[in-house]
Structures are given as C-alpha cells and as structure tokens.
C-alpha atoms as a PDB file:
ATOM      1  CA  MET A   1      -6.966   8.543  -6.750  1.00  0.00           C
ATOM      2  CA  CYS A   2      -4.247   6.901  -8.099  1.00  0.00           C
ATOM      3  CA  GLU A   3      -2.475   4.077  -9.518  1.00  0.00           C
ATOM      4  CA  GLY A   4       0.887   3.588 -10.377  1.00  0.00           C
ATOM      5  CA  GLY A   5       4.590   1.466  -9.617  1.00  0.00           C
ATOM      6  CA  PRO A   6       6.424   1.465  -6.259  1.00  0.00           C
ATOM      7  CA  THR A   7       8.108   4.724  -7.746  1.00  0.00           C
ATOM      8  CA  LEU A   8       5.059   5.809  -8.246  1.00  0.00           C
ATOM      9  CA  HIS A   9       4.043   5.002  -4.382  1.00  0.00           C
ATOM     10  CA  GLY A  10       7.417   5.776  -3.334  1.00  0.00           C
ATOM     11  CA  ASP A  11       7.198   9.460  -4.800  1.00  0.00           C
ATOM     12  CA  LEU A  12       4.040  10.497  -2.917  1.00  0.00           C
ATOM     13  CA  ALA A  13       4.350   8.393   0.241  1.00  0.00           C
ATOM     14  CA  SER A  14       7.479  10.876   0.879  1.00  0.00           C
ATOM     15  CA  LEU A  15       5.838  13.924  -0.049  1.00  0.00           C
ATOM     16  CA  ASP A  16       3.218  12.810   2.664  1.00  0.00           C
ATOM     17  CA  LEU A  17       0.535  12.509  -0.114  1.00  0.00           C
ATOM     18  CA  VAL A  18      -0.480   9.231   0.267  1.00  0.00           C
ATOM     19  CA  ASP A  19      -4.221   9.290   2.546  1.00  0.00           C
ATOM     20  CA  GLU A  20      -5.778   5.561   1.837  1.00  0.00           C
ATOM     21  CA  VAL A  21      -4.137   2.765  -0.064  1.00  0.00           C
ATOM     22  CA  CYS A  22      -6.316  -0.352  -0.943  1.00  0.00           C
ATOM     23  CA  LEU A  23      -4.519  -3.158  -1.370  1.00  0.00           C
ATOM     24  CA  THR A  24      -5.213  -6.783  -2.190  1.00  0.00           C
ATOM     25  CA  ILE A  25      -3.628  -9.536  -0.650  1.00  0.00           C
ATOM     26  CA  ALA A  26      -3.597 -13.713  -2.511  1.00  0.00           C
ATOM     27  CA  PRO A  27      -3.176 -16.042  -1.034  1.00  0.00           C
ATOM     28  CA  VAL A  28       0.195 -16.963  -3.062  1.00  0.00           C
ATOM     29  CA  LEU A  29       3.451 -16.793  -1.587  1.00  0.00           C
ATOM     30  CA  ALA A  30       6.086 -15.012  -3.897  1.00  0.00           C
ATOM     31  CA  GLY A  31       9.745 -13.780  -3.568  1.00  0.00           C
ATOM     32  CA  GLY A  32      11.949 -12.524  -6.136  1.00  0.00           C
ATOM     33  CA  PRO A  33      14.138  -9.081  -6.418  1.00  0.00           C
ATOM     34  CA  ALA A  34      11.485  -7.014  -7.014  1.00  0.00           C
ATOM     35  CA  PRO A  35      11.112  -3.644  -4.603  1.00  0.00           C
ATOM     36  CA  ARG A  36       8.337  -3.312  -2.033  1.00  0.00           C
ATOM     37  CA  ILE A  37       4.863  -1.471  -3.004  1.00  0.00           C
ATOM     38  CA  ALA A  38       6.567   2.108  -2.525  1.00  0.00           C
ATOM     39  CA  HIS A  39      10.041   2.208  -3.480  1.00  0.00           C
ATOM     40  CA  GLY A  40      12.286   5.280  -2.655  1.00  0.00           C
ATOM     41  CA  GLN A  41      15.554   6.771  -2.119  1.00  0.00           C
ATOM     42  CA  GLU A  42      14.742   7.216   1.727  1.00  0.00           C
ATOM     43  CA  ALA A  43      13.372   5.873   3.836  1.00  0.00           C
ATOM     44  CA  VAL A  44       9.571   6.310   4.923  1.00  0.00           C
ATOM     45  CA  ASP A  45       7.079   4.918   7.806  1.00  0.00           C
ATOM     46  CA  ARG A  46       3.422   6.214   7.837  1.00  0.00           C
ATOM     47  CA  ALA A  47       0.695   4.486  10.760  1.00  0.00           C
ATOM     48  CA  MET A  48      -2.080   3.101   8.845  1.00  0.00           C
ATOM     49  CA  ARG A  49      -5.769   1.700  10.076  1.00  0.00           C
ATOM     50  CA  LEU A  50      -7.498  -1.115   8.220  1.00  0.00           C
ATOM     51  CA  GLY A  51     -11.096   0.878   7.395  1.00  0.00           C
ATOM     52  CA  HIS A  52     -12.527  -2.523   5.319  1.00  0.00           C
ATOM     53  CA  CYS A  53     -11.609  -5.746   4.539  1.00  0.00           C
ATOM     54  CA  LEU A  54     -13.603  -7.852   2.419  1.00  0.00           C
ATOM     55  CA  GLU A  55     -12.713 -11.608   1.769  1.00  0.00           C
ATOM     56  CA  VAL A  56     -14.032 -13.629  -1.562  1.00  0.00           C
ATOM     57  CA  ASP A  57     -13.567 -16.516  -2.689  1.00  0.00           C
ATOM     58  CA  GLY A  58     -10.056 -16.330  -1.079  1.00  0.00           C
ATOM     59  CA  VAL A  59      -8.642 -13.268  -1.823  1.00  0.00           C
ATOM     60  CA  LEU A  60      -8.716 -10.260   1.126  1.00  0.00           C
ATOM     61  CA  LEU A  61      -9.680  -7.047  -0.049  1.00  0.00           C
ATOM     62  CA  THR A  62      -7.920  -5.013   2.245  1.00  0.00           C
ATOM     63  CA  ARG A  63      -8.694  -0.437   2.212  1.00  0.00           C
ATOM     64  CA  TRP A  64      -6.508   1.184   4.454  1.00  0.00           C
ATOM     65  CA  THR A  65      -6.437   4.630   5.813  1.00  0.00           C
ATOM     66  CA  ARG A  66      -4.767   7.228   7.513  1.00  0.00           C
ATOM     67  CA  ASP A  67      -5.266   9.902  10.319  1.00  0.00           C
ATOM     68  CA  ARG A  68      -4.097  13.033   9.523  1.00  0.00           C
ATOM     69  CA  GLN A  69      -3.846  14.809  13.164  1.00  0.00           C
END
C-alpha cells in the first residue's frame, strides 16, 4: 500500500507495481495544468476493473483492481 503524488504513481505504474487503486471522485469540475493521477516519462496503459464503489453524500469512493494473469 502506498500513498503519494502523480510522479510516484507514475513511477510505480511504469515499473508494473500497481495492483489496485483507491480513488475518490467528488462532484466538482476542476481544470488546470496539473498532471494526471499518474505522471511519468513514458506512457503506461494498464487495464483495471471496478472492485468496489460506494456513494456517500454525493462522493464516490472506488477501488479498482488489476487482474494479473
């Protein structure tokens, strides 16, 4: 389990070390120059599937998992 910013997430994803992601989705539309949740030097595309989703006061608490085969 690890908590960090976009650069750490990007490094872990590029090393293929991410098995699940817990993501909170708030009902807010925001924009700006900030990088994605995972930011790195190379493009990474890993398929994830929804493990859990819970709605609390309009906020979605999600857990995404990765099937390793």
